[in-house]
N, C-alpha and C. Protein backbone atom coordinates (compact mmCIF):
# COMPACT_ATOMS: atom_id res chain seq x y z
N MET A 1 -4.99 5.37 -37.93
CA MET A 1 -5.43 4.56 -36.78
C MET A 1 -4.69 3.23 -36.81
N GLY A 2 -4.01 2.92 -35.72
CA GLY A 2 -3.29 1.65 -35.63
C GLY A 2 -4.16 0.56 -35.03
N LEU A 3 -3.52 -0.44 -34.51
CA LEU A 3 -4.20 -1.58 -33.90
C LEU A 3 -4.70 -1.19 -32.52
N MET A 4 -6.01 -1.43 -32.23
CA MET A 4 -6.55 -1.13 -30.90
C MET A 4 -6.28 -2.31 -29.96
N ILE A 5 -5.77 -1.99 -28.79
CA ILE A 5 -5.49 -3.00 -27.77
C ILE A 5 -6.51 -2.84 -26.65
N THR A 6 -7.06 -3.95 -26.18
CA THR A 6 -7.94 -3.92 -25.00
C THR A 6 -7.30 -4.74 -23.90
N ALA A 7 -6.84 -4.04 -22.85
CA ALA A 7 -6.24 -4.71 -21.70
C ALA A 7 -7.34 -5.05 -20.71
N THR A 8 -7.28 -6.26 -20.13
CA THR A 8 -8.34 -6.72 -19.24
C THR A 8 -7.93 -6.64 -17.77
N ASN A 9 -8.94 -6.81 -16.91
CA ASN A 9 -8.73 -6.78 -15.45
C ASN A 9 -8.04 -5.49 -15.04
N ALA A 10 -8.47 -4.37 -15.65
CA ALA A 10 -7.81 -3.07 -15.41
C ALA A 10 -8.43 -2.39 -14.19
N ALA A 11 -7.60 -1.70 -13.44
CA ALA A 11 -8.06 -0.96 -12.27
C ALA A 11 -7.31 0.36 -12.17
N GLY A 12 -8.01 1.43 -11.85
CA GLY A 12 -7.36 2.72 -11.64
C GLY A 12 -6.74 2.76 -10.25
N VAL A 13 -5.45 3.09 -10.17
CA VAL A 13 -4.77 3.12 -8.86
C VAL A 13 -4.33 4.54 -8.50
N GLY A 14 -4.65 5.49 -9.34
CA GLY A 14 -4.28 6.89 -9.07
C GLY A 14 -4.59 7.70 -10.31
N PRO A 15 -4.47 9.01 -10.22
CA PRO A 15 -4.73 9.84 -11.41
C PRO A 15 -3.77 9.48 -12.55
N GLY A 16 -4.32 9.03 -13.67
CA GLY A 16 -3.47 8.68 -14.81
C GLY A 16 -2.60 7.47 -14.55
N LEU A 17 -3.08 6.54 -13.71
CA LEU A 17 -2.27 5.36 -13.34
C LEU A 17 -3.21 4.16 -13.26
N TRP A 18 -2.89 3.10 -14.02
CA TRP A 18 -3.75 1.92 -14.04
C TRP A 18 -2.92 0.64 -13.95
N THR A 19 -3.49 -0.40 -13.34
CA THR A 19 -2.89 -1.73 -13.40
C THR A 19 -3.80 -2.60 -14.27
N PHE A 20 -3.20 -3.57 -14.95
CA PHE A 20 -3.99 -4.47 -15.79
C PHE A 20 -3.16 -5.71 -16.11
N GLU A 21 -3.79 -6.64 -16.80
CA GLU A 21 -3.11 -7.89 -17.16
C GLU A 21 -2.67 -7.85 -18.62
N MET A 22 -1.40 -8.17 -18.84
CA MET A 22 -0.88 -8.24 -20.21
C MET A 22 0.40 -9.05 -20.19
N PRO A 23 0.46 -10.14 -20.97
CA PRO A 23 1.68 -10.95 -20.98
C PRO A 23 2.85 -10.19 -21.60
N PRO A 24 4.07 -10.54 -21.18
CA PRO A 24 5.27 -9.82 -21.65
C PRO A 24 5.40 -9.75 -23.17
N HIS A 25 5.00 -10.83 -23.88
CA HIS A 25 5.19 -10.81 -25.34
C HIS A 25 4.32 -9.75 -26.00
N GLN A 26 3.16 -9.43 -25.39
CA GLN A 26 2.31 -8.36 -25.94
C GLN A 26 2.91 -6.99 -25.66
N VAL A 27 3.52 -6.85 -24.47
CA VAL A 27 4.14 -5.56 -24.11
C VAL A 27 5.24 -5.21 -25.12
N ARG A 28 5.90 -6.23 -25.64
CA ARG A 28 6.99 -6.00 -26.61
C ARG A 28 6.48 -5.42 -27.94
N LEU A 29 5.17 -5.49 -28.16
CA LEU A 29 4.58 -4.87 -29.35
C LEU A 29 4.79 -3.35 -29.36
N PHE A 30 5.00 -2.79 -28.16
CA PHE A 30 5.08 -1.33 -28.04
C PHE A 30 6.51 -0.81 -28.12
N GLY A 31 7.38 -1.58 -28.76
CA GLY A 31 8.76 -1.13 -28.96
C GLY A 31 9.72 -1.78 -27.98
N ALA A 32 11.00 -1.60 -28.23
CA ALA A 32 12.05 -2.18 -27.38
C ALA A 32 12.12 -1.38 -26.09
N ALA A 33 11.80 -2.03 -24.98
CA ALA A 33 11.83 -1.35 -23.68
C ALA A 33 13.28 -1.18 -23.22
N PRO A 34 13.60 -0.04 -22.55
CA PRO A 34 14.97 0.17 -22.07
C PRO A 34 15.37 -0.78 -20.94
N SER A 35 14.39 -1.40 -20.27
CA SER A 35 14.75 -2.34 -19.21
C SER A 35 13.82 -3.54 -19.20
N ALA A 36 14.29 -4.62 -18.61
CA ALA A 36 13.50 -5.85 -18.45
C ALA A 36 13.83 -6.42 -17.07
N THR A 37 13.20 -5.84 -16.05
CA THR A 37 13.48 -6.27 -14.67
C THR A 37 12.18 -6.43 -13.90
N GLY A 38 12.20 -7.35 -12.94
CA GLY A 38 11.06 -7.54 -12.04
C GLY A 38 9.87 -8.22 -12.70
N HIS A 39 8.78 -8.32 -11.94
CA HIS A 39 7.58 -9.03 -12.40
C HIS A 39 6.72 -8.18 -13.32
N ARG A 40 6.70 -6.86 -13.06
CA ARG A 40 5.71 -6.01 -13.72
C ARG A 40 6.24 -5.28 -14.94
N SER A 41 5.40 -5.19 -15.95
CA SER A 41 5.72 -4.35 -17.11
C SER A 41 5.20 -2.94 -16.85
N VAL A 42 5.89 -1.95 -17.42
CA VAL A 42 5.46 -0.54 -17.27
C VAL A 42 5.32 0.08 -18.66
N ILE A 43 4.17 0.70 -18.90
CA ILE A 43 3.87 1.29 -20.22
C ILE A 43 3.41 2.73 -20.03
N VAL A 44 3.88 3.63 -20.91
CA VAL A 44 3.39 5.02 -20.92
C VAL A 44 2.38 5.14 -22.06
N LEU A 45 1.22 5.74 -21.77
CA LEU A 45 0.17 5.87 -22.77
C LEU A 45 -0.08 7.34 -23.11
N LYS A 46 -0.05 7.64 -24.43
CA LYS A 46 -0.35 9.01 -24.86
C LYS A 46 -1.85 9.28 -24.82
N ALA A 47 -2.64 8.25 -25.05
CA ALA A 47 -4.10 8.38 -24.99
C ALA A 47 -4.68 7.01 -24.69
N CYS A 48 -5.80 6.98 -23.95
CA CYS A 48 -6.44 5.69 -23.65
C CYS A 48 -7.87 5.92 -23.20
N ASN A 49 -8.63 4.84 -23.12
CA ASN A 49 -10.01 4.91 -22.66
C ASN A 49 -10.20 3.82 -21.61
N PHE A 50 -10.44 4.24 -20.37
CA PHE A 50 -10.59 3.30 -19.26
C PHE A 50 -12.07 3.14 -18.92
N ASP A 51 -12.53 1.88 -18.86
CA ASP A 51 -13.92 1.59 -18.50
C ASP A 51 -13.90 0.87 -17.15
N ALA A 52 -14.28 1.60 -16.09
CA ALA A 52 -14.20 1.04 -14.73
C ALA A 52 -15.15 -0.15 -14.55
N LYS A 53 -16.35 -0.06 -15.16
CA LYS A 53 -17.33 -1.15 -15.00
C LYS A 53 -16.84 -2.42 -15.68
N ALA A 54 -16.39 -2.28 -16.92
CA ALA A 54 -15.93 -3.45 -17.68
C ALA A 54 -14.51 -3.88 -17.27
N ARG A 55 -13.83 -3.00 -16.50
CA ARG A 55 -12.44 -3.26 -16.08
C ARG A 55 -11.53 -3.45 -17.30
N THR A 56 -11.71 -2.57 -18.30
CA THR A 56 -10.87 -2.64 -19.50
C THR A 56 -10.16 -1.29 -19.71
N LEU A 57 -8.99 -1.38 -20.33
CA LEU A 57 -8.23 -0.19 -20.71
C LEU A 57 -7.92 -0.33 -22.19
N GLN A 58 -8.47 0.57 -23.01
CA GLN A 58 -8.30 0.50 -24.46
C GLN A 58 -7.35 1.59 -24.94
N PHE A 59 -6.47 1.22 -25.85
CA PHE A 59 -5.57 2.23 -26.41
C PHE A 59 -5.05 1.74 -27.76
N ASP A 60 -4.60 2.70 -28.55
CA ASP A 60 -4.02 2.39 -29.85
C ASP A 60 -2.57 1.97 -29.65
N VAL A 61 -2.15 0.96 -30.37
CA VAL A 61 -0.78 0.46 -30.23
C VAL A 61 0.25 1.57 -30.46
N ASP A 62 -0.09 2.53 -31.33
CA ASP A 62 0.83 3.65 -31.63
C ASP A 62 0.91 4.66 -30.48
N ASP A 63 -0.03 4.57 -29.53
CA ASP A 63 -0.05 5.51 -28.40
C ASP A 63 0.65 4.94 -27.16
N ALA A 64 1.24 3.77 -27.29
CA ALA A 64 1.88 3.11 -26.14
C ALA A 64 3.39 3.01 -26.32
N VAL A 65 4.11 3.26 -25.23
CA VAL A 65 5.57 3.12 -25.22
C VAL A 65 5.94 2.24 -24.03
N ALA A 66 6.66 1.15 -24.28
CA ALA A 66 7.06 0.25 -23.19
C ALA A 66 8.31 0.79 -22.50
N LEU A 67 8.25 0.91 -21.17
CA LEU A 67 9.41 1.33 -20.39
C LEU A 67 10.13 0.13 -19.77
N ASN A 68 9.34 -0.89 -19.42
CA ASN A 68 9.93 -2.08 -18.80
C ASN A 68 9.10 -3.30 -19.18
N VAL A 69 9.77 -4.41 -19.50
CA VAL A 69 9.08 -5.67 -19.77
C VAL A 69 9.34 -6.59 -18.58
N GLY A 70 8.26 -6.93 -17.87
CA GLY A 70 8.38 -7.81 -16.71
C GLY A 70 8.29 -9.27 -17.09
N THR A 71 8.33 -10.13 -16.08
CA THR A 71 8.30 -11.58 -16.32
C THR A 71 6.89 -12.15 -16.16
N GLN A 72 5.98 -11.38 -15.53
CA GLN A 72 4.62 -11.86 -15.28
C GLN A 72 3.61 -11.07 -16.11
N PRO A 73 2.38 -11.59 -16.24
CA PRO A 73 1.36 -10.85 -17.01
C PRO A 73 0.73 -9.72 -16.19
N GLU A 74 1.55 -9.04 -15.39
CA GLU A 74 1.09 -7.87 -14.63
C GLU A 74 1.69 -6.64 -15.27
N ALA A 75 0.87 -5.60 -15.44
CA ALA A 75 1.40 -4.38 -16.05
C ALA A 75 0.81 -3.17 -15.38
N ILE A 76 1.54 -2.07 -15.48
CA ILE A 76 1.05 -0.78 -14.98
C ILE A 76 1.19 0.23 -16.11
N ALA A 77 0.16 1.05 -16.31
CA ALA A 77 0.19 2.07 -17.35
C ALA A 77 0.18 3.45 -16.70
N ILE A 78 0.96 4.36 -17.27
CA ILE A 78 1.05 5.73 -16.79
C ILE A 78 0.63 6.65 -17.94
N ALA A 79 -0.30 7.55 -17.68
CA ALA A 79 -0.72 8.50 -18.70
C ALA A 79 0.40 9.51 -18.94
N ALA A 80 0.73 9.74 -20.20
CA ALA A 80 1.81 10.68 -20.53
C ALA A 80 1.43 12.10 -20.15
N GLU A 81 0.13 12.41 -20.22
CA GLU A 81 -0.34 13.75 -19.86
C GLU A 81 -1.54 13.62 -18.93
N THR A 82 -1.78 14.68 -18.17
CA THR A 82 -2.94 14.70 -17.29
C THR A 82 -4.20 14.72 -18.13
N PRO A 83 -5.19 13.87 -17.78
CA PRO A 83 -6.45 13.92 -18.53
C PRO A 83 -7.05 15.33 -18.45
N THR A 84 -7.50 15.85 -19.61
CA THR A 84 -8.05 17.20 -19.63
C THR A 84 -9.56 17.20 -19.86
N SER A 85 -10.08 16.25 -20.62
CA SER A 85 -11.52 16.26 -20.89
C SER A 85 -12.27 15.88 -19.62
N SER A 86 -13.49 16.41 -19.49
CA SER A 86 -14.26 16.18 -18.26
C SER A 86 -14.55 14.69 -18.08
N SER A 87 -14.82 13.97 -19.19
CA SER A 87 -15.13 12.55 -19.06
C SER A 87 -13.91 11.78 -18.55
N GLN A 88 -12.74 12.09 -19.12
CA GLN A 88 -11.53 11.40 -18.66
C GLN A 88 -11.20 11.79 -17.23
N ALA A 89 -11.38 13.08 -16.92
CA ALA A 89 -11.06 13.55 -15.57
C ALA A 89 -11.96 12.86 -14.55
N SER A 90 -13.26 12.70 -14.90
CA SER A 90 -14.17 12.07 -13.94
C SER A 90 -13.83 10.59 -13.79
N ILE A 91 -13.42 9.95 -14.89
CA ILE A 91 -13.01 8.53 -14.81
C ILE A 91 -11.81 8.41 -13.87
N THR A 92 -10.84 9.29 -14.05
CA THR A 92 -9.63 9.24 -13.22
C THR A 92 -9.97 9.46 -11.76
N SER A 93 -10.78 10.50 -11.49
CA SER A 93 -11.05 10.82 -10.09
C SER A 93 -11.87 9.72 -9.42
N ARG A 94 -12.74 9.05 -10.20
CA ARG A 94 -13.54 7.97 -9.60
C ARG A 94 -12.67 6.82 -9.13
N ASN A 95 -11.53 6.67 -9.75
CA ASN A 95 -10.72 5.50 -9.44
C ASN A 95 -9.61 5.76 -8.44
N THR A 96 -9.54 6.98 -7.95
CA THR A 96 -8.66 7.26 -6.82
C THR A 96 -9.58 7.27 -5.62
N ALA A 97 -9.14 6.69 -4.52
CA ALA A 97 -10.01 6.65 -3.35
C ALA A 97 -10.38 8.06 -2.94
N PRO A 98 -11.68 8.32 -2.68
CA PRO A 98 -12.04 9.66 -2.23
C PRO A 98 -11.42 9.95 -0.87
N MET A 99 -11.20 11.25 -0.58
CA MET A 99 -10.55 11.63 0.67
C MET A 99 -11.26 11.01 1.87
N ALA A 100 -12.60 10.95 1.82
CA ALA A 100 -13.37 10.45 2.97
C ALA A 100 -13.06 8.98 3.27
N ALA A 101 -12.55 8.26 2.25
CA ALA A 101 -12.26 6.84 2.46
C ALA A 101 -10.99 6.62 3.28
N TYR A 102 -10.20 7.67 3.46
CA TYR A 102 -8.94 7.55 4.18
C TYR A 102 -9.11 7.87 5.66
N ALA A 103 -8.21 7.31 6.47
CA ALA A 103 -8.15 7.64 7.89
C ALA A 103 -7.66 9.08 8.05
N PRO A 104 -7.91 9.72 9.20
CA PRO A 104 -7.54 11.14 9.39
C PRO A 104 -6.07 11.44 9.11
N GLY A 105 -5.15 10.56 9.55
CA GLY A 105 -3.72 10.80 9.32
C GLY A 105 -3.36 10.77 7.85
N ASP A 106 -4.00 9.86 7.10
CA ASP A 106 -3.77 9.79 5.65
C ASP A 106 -4.29 11.06 4.97
N ARG A 107 -5.45 11.53 5.42
CA ARG A 107 -6.03 12.75 4.84
C ARG A 107 -5.13 13.95 5.13
N GLN A 108 -4.52 13.95 6.31
CA GLN A 108 -3.60 15.05 6.67
C GLN A 108 -2.39 15.06 5.73
N PHE A 109 -1.88 13.85 5.41
CA PHE A 109 -0.75 13.74 4.48
C PHE A 109 -1.14 14.28 3.10
N LEU A 110 -2.30 13.87 2.59
CA LEU A 110 -2.75 14.31 1.26
C LEU A 110 -3.00 15.82 1.24
N SER A 111 -3.56 16.34 2.33
CA SER A 111 -3.84 17.76 2.42
C SER A 111 -2.55 18.59 2.45
N LEU A 112 -1.56 18.10 3.21
CA LEU A 112 -0.28 18.82 3.28
C LEU A 112 0.45 18.75 1.93
N ALA A 113 0.38 17.58 1.27
CA ALA A 113 1.00 17.43 -0.06
C ALA A 113 0.36 18.43 -1.03
N LYS A 114 -0.97 18.60 -0.92
CA LYS A 114 -1.69 19.53 -1.80
C LYS A 114 -1.24 20.97 -1.53
N ASP A 115 -0.98 21.29 -0.26
CA ASP A 115 -0.59 22.66 0.10
C ASP A 115 0.87 22.97 -0.30
N LEU A 116 1.74 21.95 -0.24
CA LEU A 116 3.18 22.21 -0.34
C LEU A 116 3.83 21.79 -1.65
N LEU A 117 3.17 20.93 -2.42
CA LEU A 117 3.82 20.37 -3.61
C LEU A 117 3.13 20.84 -4.89
N PRO A 118 3.87 20.89 -6.01
CA PRO A 118 3.23 21.20 -7.31
C PRO A 118 2.30 20.07 -7.72
N LEU A 119 1.39 20.38 -8.64
CA LEU A 119 0.34 19.42 -9.03
C LEU A 119 0.86 18.04 -9.41
N PRO A 120 1.93 17.91 -10.24
CA PRO A 120 2.39 16.56 -10.59
C PRO A 120 2.81 15.75 -9.37
N MET A 121 3.42 16.41 -8.38
CA MET A 121 3.83 15.69 -7.17
C MET A 121 2.66 15.44 -6.22
N GLN A 122 1.63 16.29 -6.28
CA GLN A 122 0.40 16.00 -5.52
C GLN A 122 -0.20 14.70 -6.03
N ARG A 123 -0.19 14.54 -7.37
CA ARG A 123 -0.73 13.30 -7.97
C ARG A 123 0.13 12.11 -7.58
N ALA A 124 1.45 12.31 -7.56
CA ALA A 124 2.35 11.22 -7.18
C ALA A 124 2.10 10.80 -5.73
N ALA A 125 1.92 11.77 -4.84
CA ALA A 125 1.66 11.48 -3.42
C ALA A 125 0.35 10.71 -3.27
N ALA A 126 -0.69 11.14 -4.00
CA ALA A 126 -2.00 10.48 -3.92
C ALA A 126 -1.92 9.05 -4.46
N ALA A 127 -1.22 8.88 -5.60
CA ALA A 127 -1.09 7.54 -6.20
C ALA A 127 -0.29 6.62 -5.29
N LEU A 128 0.74 7.17 -4.64
CA LEU A 128 1.57 6.37 -3.74
C LEU A 128 0.75 5.88 -2.55
N LEU A 129 0.03 6.79 -1.91
CA LEU A 129 -0.76 6.40 -0.74
C LEU A 129 -1.86 5.43 -1.14
N ASP A 130 -2.50 5.68 -2.29
CA ASP A 130 -3.55 4.79 -2.78
C ASP A 130 -2.99 3.38 -3.00
N GLY A 131 -1.79 3.31 -3.60
CA GLY A 131 -1.16 2.01 -3.84
C GLY A 131 -0.82 1.28 -2.55
N VAL A 132 -0.41 2.03 -1.53
CA VAL A 132 -0.11 1.41 -0.23
C VAL A 132 -1.39 0.89 0.41
N ARG A 133 -2.42 1.73 0.42
CA ARG A 133 -3.66 1.33 1.11
C ARG A 133 -4.40 0.17 0.42
N GLN A 134 -4.15 -0.01 -0.87
CA GLN A 134 -4.77 -1.16 -1.54
C GLN A 134 -4.22 -2.47 -1.00
N ARG A 135 -3.02 -2.42 -0.43
CA ARG A 135 -2.39 -3.66 0.04
C ARG A 135 -2.12 -3.69 1.53
N ALA A 136 -2.22 -2.56 2.22
CA ALA A 136 -1.90 -2.53 3.65
C ALA A 136 -2.85 -1.59 4.38
N GLN A 137 -3.61 -2.15 5.30
CA GLN A 137 -4.46 -1.30 6.14
C GLN A 137 -3.57 -0.63 7.18
N GLY A 138 -3.87 0.59 7.50
CA GLY A 138 -3.06 1.32 8.47
C GLY A 138 -3.39 2.78 8.36
N GLU A 139 -2.52 3.60 8.95
CA GLU A 139 -2.75 5.05 8.91
C GLU A 139 -1.41 5.75 9.09
N LEU A 140 -1.23 6.82 8.34
CA LEU A 140 -0.04 7.65 8.54
C LEU A 140 -0.25 8.53 9.77
N LYS A 141 0.83 8.73 10.52
CA LYS A 141 0.76 9.58 11.71
C LYS A 141 1.79 10.69 11.56
N ARG A 142 1.33 11.94 11.65
CA ARG A 142 2.23 13.06 11.43
C ARG A 142 3.19 13.25 12.61
N GLY A 143 4.44 13.55 12.29
CA GLY A 143 5.43 13.88 13.31
C GLY A 143 5.44 15.38 13.56
N LEU A 144 6.56 15.89 14.04
CA LEU A 144 6.65 17.31 14.42
C LEU A 144 6.76 18.23 13.20
N ALA A 145 7.29 17.72 12.11
CA ALA A 145 7.47 18.57 10.92
C ALA A 145 6.59 18.06 9.78
N ARG A 146 7.18 17.85 8.60
CA ARG A 146 6.41 17.38 7.44
C ARG A 146 6.62 15.88 7.25
N ASN A 147 6.84 15.18 8.34
CA ASN A 147 7.13 13.75 8.28
C ASN A 147 5.93 12.94 8.79
N PHE A 148 5.75 11.77 8.17
CA PHE A 148 4.64 10.89 8.52
C PHE A 148 5.16 9.47 8.64
N SER A 149 4.76 8.77 9.71
CA SER A 149 5.16 7.37 9.88
C SER A 149 3.93 6.48 9.77
N GLU A 150 4.12 5.31 9.21
CA GLU A 150 3.04 4.34 9.07
C GLU A 150 2.74 3.72 10.43
N THR A 151 1.46 3.60 10.77
CA THR A 151 1.05 2.91 12.00
C THR A 151 0.05 1.82 11.62
N PRO A 152 -0.05 0.71 12.36
CA PRO A 152 0.69 0.39 13.58
C PRO A 152 2.12 -0.15 13.32
N ASP A 153 2.43 -0.56 12.09
CA ASP A 153 3.77 -1.09 11.79
C ASP A 153 4.50 -0.07 10.92
N ASN A 154 5.51 0.57 11.47
CA ASN A 154 6.21 1.65 10.75
C ASN A 154 7.24 1.07 9.77
N PHE A 155 6.72 0.35 8.73
CA PHE A 155 7.64 -0.24 7.75
C PHE A 155 8.02 0.74 6.66
N TRP A 156 7.30 1.88 6.59
CA TRP A 156 7.71 2.96 5.68
C TRP A 156 7.38 4.30 6.34
N TYR A 157 8.15 5.32 5.95
CA TYR A 157 8.11 6.63 6.61
C TYR A 157 8.36 7.65 5.51
N VAL A 158 7.55 8.69 5.47
CA VAL A 158 7.65 9.63 4.34
C VAL A 158 7.77 11.07 4.83
N ILE A 159 8.62 11.84 4.17
CA ILE A 159 8.78 13.27 4.46
C ILE A 159 8.45 14.06 3.19
N ILE A 160 7.56 15.04 3.32
CA ILE A 160 7.25 15.94 2.19
C ILE A 160 8.33 17.01 2.15
N GLN A 161 8.99 17.16 0.99
CA GLN A 161 10.09 18.12 0.85
C GLN A 161 9.71 19.17 -0.20
N PRO A 162 9.05 20.27 0.23
CA PRO A 162 8.54 21.24 -0.74
C PRO A 162 9.62 21.99 -1.51
N ARG A 163 10.78 22.25 -0.90
CA ARG A 163 11.81 23.04 -1.59
C ARG A 163 12.34 22.34 -2.83
N VAL A 164 12.41 21.01 -2.77
CA VAL A 164 12.89 20.25 -3.94
C VAL A 164 11.75 19.53 -4.65
N ALA A 165 10.51 19.72 -4.14
CA ALA A 165 9.31 19.09 -4.72
C ALA A 165 9.49 17.58 -4.84
N GLN A 166 9.79 16.96 -3.71
CA GLN A 166 10.01 15.50 -3.67
C GLN A 166 9.37 14.91 -2.42
N LEU A 167 9.25 13.57 -2.45
CA LEU A 167 8.93 12.81 -1.25
C LEU A 167 10.18 12.02 -0.89
N SER A 168 10.61 12.12 0.36
CA SER A 168 11.74 11.32 0.83
C SER A 168 11.15 10.17 1.64
N ILE A 169 11.49 8.93 1.25
CA ILE A 169 10.88 7.76 1.88
C ILE A 169 11.96 6.87 2.49
N THR A 170 11.74 6.48 3.74
CA THR A 170 12.63 5.52 4.40
C THR A 170 11.85 4.24 4.62
N ILE A 171 12.47 3.12 4.28
CA ILE A 171 11.82 1.82 4.42
C ILE A 171 12.66 0.92 5.32
N ARG A 172 11.98 0.04 6.05
CA ARG A 172 12.67 -0.79 7.03
C ARG A 172 13.46 -1.90 6.36
N GLY A 173 14.75 -1.95 6.69
CA GLY A 173 15.64 -2.97 6.14
C GLY A 173 16.90 -2.34 5.58
N PRO A 174 18.01 -3.07 5.61
CA PRO A 174 19.27 -2.51 5.11
C PRO A 174 19.29 -2.43 3.59
N VAL A 175 20.20 -1.62 3.07
CA VAL A 175 20.30 -1.40 1.62
C VAL A 175 20.46 -2.71 0.85
N ASP A 176 21.28 -3.64 1.37
CA ASP A 176 21.51 -4.89 0.61
C ASP A 176 20.25 -5.75 0.49
N HIS A 177 19.25 -5.52 1.34
CA HIS A 177 17.97 -6.24 1.24
C HIS A 177 17.20 -5.78 0.00
N PHE A 178 17.41 -4.50 -0.40
CA PHE A 178 16.64 -3.92 -1.51
C PHE A 178 17.42 -3.87 -2.83
N GLU A 179 18.76 -3.94 -2.75
CA GLU A 179 19.59 -3.74 -3.95
C GLU A 179 19.20 -4.62 -5.14
N PRO A 180 18.89 -5.92 -4.94
CA PRO A 180 18.60 -6.76 -6.12
C PRO A 180 17.36 -6.33 -6.90
N MET A 181 16.40 -5.63 -6.25
CA MET A 181 15.16 -5.32 -6.95
C MET A 181 14.90 -3.82 -7.12
N ALA A 182 15.77 -2.98 -6.58
CA ALA A 182 15.52 -1.53 -6.61
C ALA A 182 15.65 -0.95 -8.01
N LYS A 183 14.64 -0.17 -8.42
CA LYS A 183 14.70 0.51 -9.72
C LYS A 183 14.92 2.01 -9.53
N LEU A 184 14.94 2.44 -8.25
CA LEU A 184 15.23 3.84 -7.92
C LEU A 184 16.53 3.88 -7.12
N PRO A 185 17.28 4.99 -7.16
CA PRO A 185 18.51 5.08 -6.36
C PRO A 185 18.19 4.96 -4.86
N ILE A 186 18.93 4.11 -4.16
CA ILE A 186 18.70 3.91 -2.72
C ILE A 186 20.00 4.17 -1.96
N LYS A 187 19.86 4.57 -0.69
CA LYS A 187 21.05 4.74 0.14
C LYS A 187 20.72 4.43 1.59
N ASP A 188 21.77 4.21 2.38
CA ASP A 188 21.60 3.85 3.78
C ASP A 188 21.05 5.02 4.59
N ASP A 189 20.13 4.71 5.50
CA ASP A 189 19.59 5.70 6.42
C ASP A 189 19.58 5.09 7.82
N ARG A 190 20.75 5.15 8.48
CA ARG A 190 20.92 4.62 9.84
C ARG A 190 20.44 3.18 9.97
N GLY A 191 20.89 2.35 9.03
CA GLY A 191 20.55 0.92 9.07
C GLY A 191 19.30 0.58 8.28
N ASN A 192 18.52 1.59 7.91
CA ASN A 192 17.37 1.38 7.02
C ASN A 192 17.73 1.91 5.64
N THR A 193 16.75 2.04 4.75
CA THR A 193 17.04 2.41 3.36
C THR A 193 16.18 3.61 2.95
N LEU A 194 16.82 4.58 2.30
CA LEU A 194 16.14 5.81 1.90
C LEU A 194 16.13 5.94 0.38
N PHE A 195 15.02 6.45 -0.15
CA PHE A 195 14.95 6.78 -1.59
C PHE A 195 14.01 7.96 -1.78
N LYS A 196 14.01 8.52 -2.98
CA LYS A 196 13.18 9.70 -3.29
C LYS A 196 12.17 9.38 -4.38
N VAL A 197 11.00 9.99 -4.25
CA VAL A 197 10.00 9.97 -5.33
C VAL A 197 9.98 11.39 -5.90
N THR A 198 10.36 11.50 -7.18
CA THR A 198 10.48 12.83 -7.81
C THR A 198 9.42 13.07 -8.89
N SER A 199 8.64 12.02 -9.23
CA SER A 199 7.58 12.17 -10.23
C SER A 199 6.60 11.00 -10.10
N GLU A 200 5.47 11.13 -10.78
CA GLU A 200 4.47 10.06 -10.74
C GLU A 200 5.01 8.77 -11.36
N ALA A 201 5.93 8.91 -12.30
CA ALA A 201 6.52 7.73 -12.94
C ALA A 201 7.31 6.87 -11.94
N ASP A 202 7.74 7.48 -10.83
CA ASP A 202 8.49 6.73 -9.80
C ASP A 202 7.60 5.85 -8.93
N VAL A 203 6.27 6.10 -8.97
CA VAL A 203 5.37 5.46 -8.00
C VAL A 203 5.38 3.93 -8.07
N PRO A 204 5.27 3.31 -9.26
CA PRO A 204 5.28 1.84 -9.28
C PRO A 204 6.55 1.25 -8.64
N SER A 205 7.71 1.83 -8.95
CA SER A 205 8.97 1.33 -8.36
C SER A 205 9.01 1.60 -6.86
N ALA A 206 8.45 2.74 -6.44
CA ALA A 206 8.41 3.07 -5.02
C ALA A 206 7.55 2.07 -4.25
N LEU A 207 6.40 1.70 -4.84
CA LEU A 207 5.53 0.73 -4.18
C LEU A 207 6.20 -0.64 -4.07
N GLU A 208 6.95 -1.02 -5.11
CA GLU A 208 7.69 -2.29 -5.04
C GLU A 208 8.68 -2.26 -3.88
N LEU A 209 9.39 -1.15 -3.72
CA LEU A 209 10.35 -1.03 -2.62
C LEU A 209 9.64 -1.06 -1.27
N ILE A 210 8.54 -0.30 -1.14
CA ILE A 210 7.82 -0.24 0.13
C ILE A 210 7.34 -1.62 0.55
N PHE A 211 6.85 -2.40 -0.41
CA PHE A 211 6.31 -3.71 -0.04
C PHE A 211 7.38 -4.80 -0.01
N HIS A 212 8.61 -4.41 -0.25
CA HIS A 212 9.74 -5.32 -0.02
C HIS A 212 10.35 -5.04 1.37
N ALA A 213 9.85 -3.99 2.03
CA ALA A 213 10.38 -3.62 3.34
C ALA A 213 10.10 -4.73 4.35
N LYS A 214 10.96 -4.82 5.35
CA LYS A 214 10.78 -5.82 6.40
C LYS A 214 9.60 -5.42 7.27
N ARG A 215 8.69 -6.36 7.49
CA ARG A 215 7.50 -6.10 8.29
C ARG A 215 7.62 -6.72 9.66
N ARG A 216 6.89 -6.14 10.63
CA ARG A 216 6.84 -6.75 11.94
C ARG A 216 6.07 -8.05 11.85
N LYS A 217 6.56 -9.06 12.48
CA LYS A 217 5.88 -10.37 12.43
C LYS A 217 4.55 -10.28 13.14
């Protein structure tokens, strides 16, 4: 048994995904991170105990691996494996917004993702939408195919791609607007910027890109 860490102000933002407060020097306890960019630190946890009431996330220092050391005391943790025990599973599900809490268009997106994508990408889609709705009220509106646009301000647009098990996301603004902060590969999409979400680990970087998109005044 190693040193137990208790992270404070923790919140569940998706299945196996939590945000919490931790200064950069503490994140460095979990080994040399391969990157040090942006405000947020990113940590992968092999095992942890999340208490929604106390807003704490407890884990053994030996169960944590640092992926990125940020500049601010903001951190996001990703579970290395899907919670299997009923107690952990119920904790995780309680902290993802229930389907009923979403607008009809958002529910349609989650339902289609569930029908067309493998389980890890279903979780990624749910965590992505949950992360967006925590910061932006709105609703996804389905197009003619598997595409959804954000309303009333279409600052991000998502296509479910079942053949490659990915989400293709277009965000408003040219590539050079996103280049300084992008942690995922980006490319031009007719004057806007396109990127892919291929796993749940991409979600924090995807949310950073989405909220860097140009918004309607």
